[in-house]
Amino acid sequence: MQIDMRRIDPSLNMNRFYSVGLTKDLFGQHGVHRQWGRFGTWGRHCHDWYRTQTEAETALSDLVKQKLARGYLIKLPASEGQGL
């Protein structure tokens, strides 16, 4: 699962993205991969690892809530946004 978000405010010259998703490595650890930055750049990224999938899902949910509170909007996939 991956969630992409955007925050655009021309008056502040703000054009940001934030992407967060669940990952799993070969050893069974569950994690959250985050990538963020300004559109047109690779941005920055990091992985946070958790013991269980439930902990990772909770962390992902908390990150999304924090970003929504800061003004980010969830970007819908192209197929969902066109009403097909």
PDB file of N, CA and C in Angstrom:
ATOM      1  N   MET A   1       0.836  -1.170   0.000  1.00  0.00           N
ATOM      2  CA  MET A   1       0.000   0.000   0.000  1.00  0.00           C
ATOM      3  C   MET A   1       0.887   1.241   0.000  1.00  0.00           C
ATOM      4  N   GLN A   2       0.552   2.203  -0.860  1.00  0.00           N
ATOM      5  CA  GLN A   2       1.290   3.454  -0.915  1.00  0.00           C
ATOM      6  C   GLN A   2       0.298   4.604  -0.988  1.00  0.00           C
ATOM      7  N   ILE A   3       0.576   5.663  -0.247  1.00  0.00           N
ATOM      8  CA  ILE A   3      -0.268   6.848  -0.240  1.00  0.00           C
ATOM      9  C   ILE A   3       0.586   8.034  -0.669  1.00  0.00           C
ATOM     10  N   ASP A   4       0.117   8.729  -1.713  1.00  0.00           N
ATOM     11  CA  ASP A   4       0.808   9.913  -2.222  1.00  0.00           C
ATOM     12  C   ASP A   4       0.006  11.143  -1.842  1.00  0.00           C
ATOM     13  N   MET A   5       0.722  12.170  -1.372  1.00  0.00           N
ATOM     14  CA  MET A   5       0.070  13.412  -0.958  1.00  0.00           C
ATOM     15  C   MET A   5       0.789  14.598  -1.570  1.00  0.00           C
ATOM     16  N   ARG A   6       0.065  15.716  -1.669  1.00  0.00           N
ATOM     17  CA  ARG A   6       0.623  16.947  -2.212  1.00  0.00           C
ATOM     18  C   ARG A   6       0.229  18.118  -1.330  1.00  0.00           C
ATOM     19  N   ARG A   7       1.092  19.116  -1.351  1.00  0.00           N
ATOM     20  CA  ARG A   7       0.759  20.400  -0.720  1.00  0.00           C
ATOM     21  C   ARG A   7       1.254  21.489  -1.656  1.00  0.00           C
ATOM     22  N   ILE A   8       0.309  22.215  -2.222  1.00  0.00           N
ATOM     23  CA  ILE A   8       0.629  23.268  -3.189  1.00  0.00           C
ATOM     24  C   ILE A   8       0.008  24.569  -2.697  1.00  0.00           C
ATOM     25  N   ASP A   9       0.851  25.594  -2.566  1.00  0.00           N
ATOM     26  CA  ASP A   9       0.389  26.928  -2.178  1.00  0.00           C
ATOM     27  C   ASP A   9       1.240  27.953  -2.924  1.00  0.00           C
ATOM     28  N   PRO A  10       0.727  28.451  -4.071  1.00  0.00           N
ATOM     29  CA  PRO A  10       1.515  29.395  -4.882  1.00  0.00           C
ATOM     30  C   PRO A  10       1.911  30.663  -4.126  1.00  0.00           C
ATOM     31  N   SER A  11       1.085  31.121  -3.197  1.00  0.00           N
ATOM     32  CA  SER A  11       1.413  32.349  -2.473  1.00  0.00           C
ATOM     33  C   SER A  11       2.656  32.181  -1.592  1.00  0.00           C
ATOM     34  N   LEU A  12       2.942  30.946  -1.199  1.00  0.00           N
ATOM     35  CA  LEU A  12       4.138  30.657  -0.391  1.00  0.00           C
ATOM     36  C   LEU A  12       5.251  30.009  -1.205  1.00  0.00           C
ATOM     37  N   ASN A  13       5.055  29.917  -2.534  1.00  0.00           N
ATOM     38  CA  ASN A  13       5.999  29.229  -3.417  1.00  0.00           C
ATOM     39  C   ASN A  13       6.229  27.790  -2.927  1.00  0.00           C
ATOM     40  N   MET A  14       5.133  27.133  -2.536  1.00  0.00           N
ATOM     41  CA  MET A  14       5.207  25.787  -1.975  1.00  0.00           C
ATOM     42  C   MET A  14       4.627  24.783  -2.976  1.00  0.00           C
ATOM     43  N   ASN A  15       5.402  23.772  -3.304  1.00  0.00           N
ATOM     44  CA  ASN A  15       5.002  22.735  -4.248  1.00  0.00           C
ATOM     45  C   ASN A  15       5.655  21.434  -3.791  1.00  0.00           C
ATOM     46  N   ARG A  16       5.072  20.788  -2.794  1.00  0.00           N
ATOM     47  CA  ARG A  16       5.699  19.640  -2.139  1.00  0.00           C
ATOM     48  C   ARG A  16       4.943  18.338  -2.388  1.00  0.00           C
ATOM     49  N   PHE A  17       5.671  17.246  -2.239  1.00  0.00           N
ATOM     50  CA  PHE A  17       5.049  15.924  -2.279  1.00  0.00           C
ATOM     51  C   PHE A  17       5.487  15.142  -1.059  1.00  0.00           C
ATOM     52  N   TYR A  18       4.678  14.165  -0.694  1.00  0.00           N
ATOM     53  CA  TYR A  18       4.995  13.261   0.416  1.00  0.00           C
ATOM     54  C   TYR A  18       4.390  11.918   0.058  1.00  0.00           C
ATOM     55  N   SER A  19       5.202  10.895   0.067  1.00  0.00           N
ATOM     56  CA  SER A  19       4.756   9.550  -0.274  1.00  0.00           C
ATOM     57  C   SER A  19       5.145   8.611   0.859  1.00  0.00           C
ATOM     58  N   VAL A  20       4.210   7.769   1.260  1.00  0.00           N
ATOM     59  CA  VAL A  20       4.463   6.844   2.359  1.00  0.00           C
ATOM     60  C   VAL A  20       3.850   5.492   1.999  1.00  0.00           C
ATOM     61  N   GLY A  21       4.583   4.416   2.287  1.00  0.00           N
ATOM     62  CA  GLY A  21       4.080   3.093   1.946  1.00  0.00           C
ATOM     63  C   GLY A  21       4.642   2.014   2.861  1.00  0.00           C
ATOM     64  N   LEU A  22       3.951   0.890   2.899  1.00  0.00           N
ATOM     65  CA  LEU A  22       4.386  -0.255   3.710  1.00  0.00           C
ATOM     66  C   LEU A  22       5.368  -1.101   2.908  1.00  0.00           C
ATOM     67  N   THR A  23       6.386  -1.614   3.578  1.00  0.00           N
ATOM     68  CA  THR A  23       7.369  -2.489   2.942  1.00  0.00           C
ATOM     69  C   THR A  23       7.635  -3.696   3.839  1.00  0.00           C
ATOM     70  N   LYS A  24       8.275  -4.694   3.260  1.00  0.00           N
ATOM     71  CA  LYS A  24       8.670  -5.877   4.026  1.00  0.00           C
ATOM     72  C   LYS A  24       9.993  -6.364   3.440  1.00  0.00           C
ATOM     73  N   ASP A  25      10.958  -6.676   4.317  1.00  0.00           N
ATOM     74  CA  ASP A  25      12.244  -7.137   3.805  1.00  0.00           C
ATOM     75  C   ASP A  25      12.289  -8.671   3.761  1.00  0.00           C
ATOM     76  N   LEU A  26      13.406  -9.211   3.318  1.00  0.00           N
ATOM     77  CA  LEU A  26      13.550 -10.661   3.159  1.00  0.00           C
ATOM     78  C   LEU A  26      13.559 -11.415   4.483  1.00  0.00           C
ATOM     79  N   PHE A  27      13.797 -10.705   5.582  1.00  0.00           N
ATOM     80  CA  PHE A  27      13.875 -11.343   6.888  1.00  0.00           C
ATOM     81  C   PHE A  27      12.567 -11.233   7.668  1.00  0.00           C
ATOM     82  N   GLY A  28      11.533 -10.705   7.039  1.00  0.00           N
ATOM     83  CA  GLY A  28      10.229 -10.643   7.674  1.00  0.00           C
ATOM     84  C   GLY A  28       9.943  -9.383   8.467  1.00  0.00           C
ATOM     85  N   GLN A  29      10.870  -8.432   8.469  1.00  0.00           N
ATOM     86  CA  GLN A  29      10.607  -7.181   9.179  1.00  0.00           C
ATOM     87  C   GLN A  29       9.671  -6.315   8.339  1.00  0.00           C
ATOM     88  N   HIS A  30       8.760  -5.648   9.020  1.00  0.00           N
ATOM     89  CA  HIS A  30       7.816  -4.755   8.357  1.00  0.00           C
ATOM     90  C   HIS A  30       8.289  -3.324   8.543  1.00  0.00           C
ATOM     91  N   GLY A  31       8.076  -2.523   7.520  1.00  0.00           N
ATOM     92  CA  GLY A  31       8.557  -1.158   7.609  1.00  0.00           C
ATOM     93  C   GLY A  31       7.658  -0.171   6.903  1.00  0.00           C
ATOM     94  N   VAL A  32       8.028   1.088   7.093  1.00  0.00           N
ATOM     95  CA  VAL A  32       7.362   2.196   6.429  1.00  0.00           C
ATOM     96  C   VAL A  32       8.439   2.952   5.663  1.00  0.00           C
ATOM     97  N   HIS A  33       8.225   3.107   4.357  1.00  0.00           N
ATOM     98  CA  HIS A  33       9.138   3.878   3.514  1.00  0.00           C
ATOM     99  C   HIS A  33       8.508   5.238   3.258  1.00  0.00           C
ATOM    100  N   ARG A  34       9.275   6.294   3.524  1.00  0.00           N
ATOM    101  CA  ARG A  34       8.792   7.660   3.318  1.00  0.00           C
ATOM    102  C   ARG A  34       9.685   8.359   2.311  1.00  0.00           C
ATOM    103  N   GLN A  35       9.076   9.150   1.434  1.00  0.00           N
ATOM    104  CA  GLN A  35       9.820   9.983   0.504  1.00  0.00           C
ATOM    105  C   GLN A  35       9.123  11.332   0.437  1.00  0.00           C
ATOM    106  N   TRP A  36       9.898  12.419   0.487  1.00  0.00           N
ATOM    107  CA  TRP A  36       9.306  13.744   0.503  1.00  0.00           C
ATOM    108  C   TRP A  36      10.245  14.733  -0.147  1.00  0.00           C
ATOM    109  N   GLY A  37       9.666  15.851  -0.585  1.00  0.00           N
ATOM    110  CA  GLY A  37      10.480  16.907  -1.169  1.00  0.00           C
ATOM    111  C   GLY A  37       9.661  17.821  -2.055  1.00  0.00           C
ATOM    112  N   ARG A  38      10.369  18.595  -2.857  1.00  0.00           N
ATOM    113  CA  ARG A  38       9.744  19.521  -3.793  1.00  0.00           C
ATOM    114  C   ARG A  38       9.542  18.798  -5.120  1.00  0.00           C
ATOM    115  N   PHE A  39       8.398  19.081  -5.780  1.00  0.00           N
ATOM    116  CA  PHE A  39       8.164  18.491  -7.101  1.00  0.00           C
ATOM    117  C   PHE A  39       9.322  18.833  -8.021  1.00  0.00           C
ATOM    118  N   GLY A  40       9.695  17.884  -8.867  1.00  0.00           N
ATOM    119  CA  GLY A  40      10.795  18.085  -9.799  1.00  0.00           C
ATOM    120  C   GLY A  40      12.133  17.633  -9.245  1.00  0.00           C
ATOM    121  N   THR A  41      12.155  17.166  -7.987  1.00  0.00           N
ATOM    122  CA  THR A  41      13.387  16.654  -7.386  1.00  0.00           C
ATOM    123  C   THR A  41      13.146  15.218  -6.933  1.00  0.00           C
ATOM    124  N   TRP A  42      14.229  14.512  -6.632  1.00  0.00           N
ATOM    125  CA  TRP A  42      14.099  13.161  -6.071  1.00  0.00           C
ATOM    126  C   TRP A  42      13.646  13.226  -4.629  1.00  0.00           C
ATOM    127  N   GLY A  43      13.935  14.340  -3.984  1.00  0.00           N
ATOM    128  CA  GLY A  43      13.554  14.489  -2.587  1.00  0.00           C
ATOM    129  C   GLY A  43      14.444  13.662  -1.671  1.00  0.00           C
ATOM    130  N   ARG A  44      13.971  13.463  -0.478  1.00  0.00           N
ATOM    131  CA  ARG A  44      14.675  12.649   0.518  1.00  0.00           C
ATOM    132  C   ARG A  44      13.822  11.436   0.837  1.00  0.00           C
ATOM    133  N   HIS A  45      14.453  10.426   1.454  1.00  0.00           N
ATOM    134  CA  HIS A  45      13.680   9.242   1.831  1.00  0.00           C
ATOM    135  C   HIS A  45      14.302   8.564   3.043  1.00  0.00           C
ATOM    136  N   CYS A  46      13.489   7.771   3.716  1.00  0.00           N
ATOM    137  CA  CYS A  46      13.990   6.969   4.826  1.00  0.00           C
ATOM    138  C   CYS A  46      13.060   5.778   5.055  1.00  0.00           C
ATOM    139  N   HIS A  47      13.610   4.753   5.710  1.00  0.00           N
ATOM    140  CA  HIS A  47      12.859   3.563   6.099  1.00  0.00           C
ATOM    141  C   HIS A  47      12.823   3.494   7.620  1.00  0.00           C
ATOM    142  N   ASP A  48      11.664   3.181   8.157  1.00  0.00           N
ATOM    143  CA  ASP A  48      11.511   2.920   9.591  1.00  0.00           C
ATOM    144  C   ASP A  48      11.024   1.479   9.716  1.00  0.00           C
ATOM    145  N   TRP A  49      11.685   0.678  10.566  1.00  0.00           N
ATOM    146  CA  TRP A  49      11.361  -0.748  10.675  1.00  0.00           C
ATOM    147  C   TRP A  49      10.637  -1.035  11.979  1.00  0.00           C
ATOM    148  N   TYR A  50       9.701  -2.001  11.916  1.00  0.00           N
ATOM    149  CA  TYR A  50       8.869  -2.368  13.065  1.00  0.00           C
ATOM    150  C   TYR A  50       8.836  -3.889  13.206  1.00  0.00           C
ATOM    151  N   ARG A  51       8.505  -4.361  14.398  1.00  0.00           N
ATOM    152  CA  ARG A  51       8.469  -5.810  14.659  1.00  0.00           C
ATOM    153  C   ARG A  51       7.279  -6.489  14.003  1.00  0.00           C
ATOM    154  N   THR A  52       6.126  -5.803  13.966  1.00  0.00           N
ATOM    155  CA  THR A  52       4.916  -6.425  13.429  1.00  0.00           C
ATOM    156  C   THR A  52       4.296  -5.544  12.346  1.00  0.00           C
ATOM    157  N   GLN A  53       3.453  -6.172  11.540  1.00  0.00           N
ATOM    158  CA  GLN A  53       2.757  -5.434  10.495  1.00  0.00           C
ATOM    159  C   GLN A  53       1.788  -4.422  11.111  1.00  0.00           C
ATOM    160  N   THR A  54       1.189  -4.786  12.223  1.00  0.00           N
ATOM    161  CA  THR A  54       0.253  -3.883  12.893  1.00  0.00           C
ATOM    162  C   THR A  54       0.945  -2.600  13.341  1.00  0.00           C
ATOM    163  N   GLU A  55       2.146  -2.719  13.896  1.00  0.00           N
ATOM    164  CA  GLU A  55       2.902  -1.531  14.311  1.00  0.00           C
ATOM    165  C   GLU A  55       3.223  -0.649  13.112  1.00  0.00           C
ATOM    166  N   ALA A  56       3.605  -1.256  11.995  1.00  0.00           N
ATOM    167  CA  ALA A  56       3.926  -0.499  10.789  1.00  0.00           C
ATOM    168  C   ALA A  56       2.685   0.210  10.247  1.00  0.00           C
ATOM    169  N   GLU A  57       1.549  -0.487  10.240  1.00  0.00           N
ATOM    170  CA  GLU A  57       0.305   0.121   9.756  1.00  0.00           C
ATOM    171  C   GLU A  57      -0.116   1.294  10.650  1.00  0.00           C
ATOM    172  N   THR A  58       0.065   1.146  11.956  1.00  0.00           N
ATOM    173  CA  THR A  58      -0.266   2.225  12.888  1.00  0.00           C
ATOM    174  C   THR A  58       0.635   3.439  12.632  1.00  0.00           C
ATOM    175  N   ALA A  59       1.925   3.196  12.426  1.00  0.00           N
ATOM    176  CA  ALA A  59       2.860   4.284  12.149  1.00  0.00           C
ATOM    177  C   ALA A  59       2.496   4.983  10.843  1.00  0.00           C
ATOM    178  N   LEU A  60       2.147   4.216   9.809  1.00  0.00           N
ATOM    179  CA  LEU A  60       1.746   4.797   8.534  1.00  0.00           C
ATOM    180  C   LEU A  60       0.506   5.668   8.721  1.00  0.00           C
ATOM    181  N   SER A  61      -0.468   5.167   9.440  1.00  0.00           N
ATOM    182  CA  SER A  61      -1.697   5.916   9.694  1.00  0.00           C
ATOM    183  C   SER A  61      -1.409   7.220  10.429  1.00  0.00           C
ATOM    184  N   ASP A  62      -0.541   7.167  11.427  1.00  0.00           N
ATOM    185  CA  ASP A  62      -0.182   8.371  12.182  1.00  0.00           C
ATOM    186  C   ASP A  62       0.513   9.396  11.294  1.00  0.00           C
ATOM    187  N   LEU A  63       1.407   8.942  10.407  1.00  0.00           N
ATOM    188  CA  LEU A  63       2.095   9.858   9.498  1.00  0.00           C
ATOM    189  C   LEU A  63       1.115  10.541   8.552  1.00  0.00           C
ATOM    190  N   VAL A  64       0.173   9.780   8.028  1.00  0.00           N
ATOM    191  CA  VAL A  64      -0.821  10.357   7.118  1.00  0.00           C
ATOM    192  C   VAL A  64      -1.668  11.392   7.849  1.00  0.00           C
ATOM    193  N   LYS A  65      -2.096  11.089   9.067  1.00  0.00           N
ATOM    194  CA  LYS A  65      -2.892  12.046   9.850  1.00  0.00           C
ATOM    195  C   LYS A  65      -2.117  13.340  10.106  1.00  0.00           C
ATOM    196  N   GLN A  66      -0.819  13.217  10.423  1.00  0.00           N
ATOM    197  CA  GLN A  66       0.004  14.395  10.659  1.00  0.00           C
ATOM    198  C   GLN A  66       0.093  15.269   9.416  1.00  0.00           C
ATOM    199  N   LYS A  67       0.292  14.647   8.262  1.00  0.00           N
ATOM    200  CA  LYS A  67       0.419  15.410   7.021  1.00  0.00           C
ATOM    201  C   LYS A  67      -0.903  16.048   6.612  1.00  0.00           C
ATOM    202  N   LEU A  68      -2.010  15.353   6.816  1.00  0.00           N
ATOM    203  CA  LEU A  68      -3.316  15.937   6.507  1.00  0.00           C
ATOM    204  C   LEU A  68      -3.575  17.154   7.390  1.00  0.00           C
ATOM    205  N   ALA A  69      -3.147  17.092   8.647  1.00  0.00           N
ATOM    206  CA  ALA A  69      -3.317  18.214   9.567  1.00  0.00           C
ATOM    207  C   ALA A  69      -2.469  19.417   9.143  1.00  0.00           C
ATOM    208  N   ARG A  70      -1.384  19.171   8.415  1.00  0.00           N
ATOM    209  CA  ARG A  70      -0.503  20.252   7.968  1.00  0.00           C
ATOM    210  C   ARG A  70      -0.891  20.803   6.604  1.00  0.00           C
ATOM    211  N   GLY A  71      -1.980  20.299   6.033  1.00  0.00           N
ATOM    212  CA  GLY A  71      -2.468  20.868   4.782  1.00  0.00           C
ATOM    213  C   GLY A  71      -2.211  20.048   3.536  1.00  0.00           C
ATOM    214  N   TYR A  72      -1.632  18.866   3.667  1.00  0.00           N
ATOM    215  CA  TYR A  72      -1.430  18.000   2.506  1.00  0.00           C
ATOM    216  C   TYR A  72      -2.767  17.383   2.098  1.00  0.00           C
ATOM    217  N   LEU A  73      -2.914  17.117   0.808  1.00  0.00           N
ATOM    218  CA  LEU A  73      -4.100  16.456   0.276  1.00  0.00           C
ATOM    219  C   LEU A  73      -3.684  15.147  -0.367  1.00  0.00           C
ATOM    220  N   ILE A  74      -4.500  14.110  -0.212  1.00  0.00           N
ATOM    221  CA  ILE A  74      -4.190  12.809  -0.802  1.00  0.00           C
ATOM    222  C   ILE A  74      -4.430  12.877  -2.298  1.00  0.00           C
ATOM    223  N   LYS A  75      -3.435  12.423  -3.053  1.00  0.00           N
ATOM    224  CA  LYS A  75      -3.527  12.404  -4.512  1.00  0.00           C
ATOM    225  C   LYS A  75      -4.164  11.087  -4.939  1.00  0.00           C
ATOM    226  N   LEU A  76      -5.263  11.170  -5.679  1.00  0.00           N
ATOM    227  CA  LEU A  76      -5.918   9.968  -6.179  1.00  0.00           C
ATOM    228  C   LEU A  76      -5.193   9.450  -7.409  1.00  0.00           C
ATOM    229  N   PRO A  77      -5.141   8.121  -7.590  1.00  0.00           N
ATOM    230  CA  PRO A  77      -4.576   7.574  -8.818  1.00  0.00           C
ATOM    231  C   PRO A  77      -5.347   8.090 -10.031  1.00  0.00           C
ATOM    232  N   ALA A  78      -4.711   8.137 -11.192  1.00  0.00           N
ATOM    233  CA  ALA A  78      -5.317   8.703 -12.400  1.00  0.00           C
ATOM    234  C   ALA A  78      -6.623   8.024 -12.746  1.00  0.00           C
ATOM    235  N   SER A  79      -6.709   6.696 -12.611  1.00  0.00           N
ATOM    236  CA  SER A  79      -7.927   5.978 -12.986  1.00  0.00           C
ATOM    237  C   SER A  79      -9.086   6.328 -12.056  1.00  0.00           C
ATOM    238  N   GLU A  80      -8.830   6.578 -10.765  1.00  0.00           N
ATOM    239  CA  GLU A  80      -9.896   6.927  -9.829  1.00  0.00           C
ATOM    240  C   GLU A  80     -10.330   8.369 -10.011  1.00  0.00           C
ATOM    241  N   GLY A  81      -9.406   9.241 -10.346  1.00  0.00           N
ATOM    242  CA  GLY A  81      -9.719  10.650 -10.495  1.00  0.00           C
ATOM    243  C   GLY A  81     -10.564  10.965 -11.717  1.00  0.00           C
ATOM    244  N   GLN A  82     -10.596  10.064 -12.714  1.00  0.00           N
ATOM    245  CA  GLN A  82     -11.332  10.317 -13.942  1.00  0.00           C
ATOM    246  C   GLN A  82     -12.728   9.700 -13.926  1.00  0.00           C
ATOM    247  N   GLY A  83     -13.096   9.021 -12.870  1.00  0.00           N
ATOM    248  CA  GLY A  83     -14.425   8.467 -12.737  1.00  0.00           C
ATOM    249  C   GLY A  83     -14.697   7.291 -13.646  1.00  0.00           C
ATOM    250  N   LEU A  84     -13.683   6.526 -14.002  1.00  0.00           N
ATOM    251  CA  LEU A  84     -13.855   5.354 -14.853  1.00  0.00           C
ATOM    252  C   LEU A  84     -14.323   4.165 -14.077  1.00  0.00           C
TER     253      LEU A  84
END
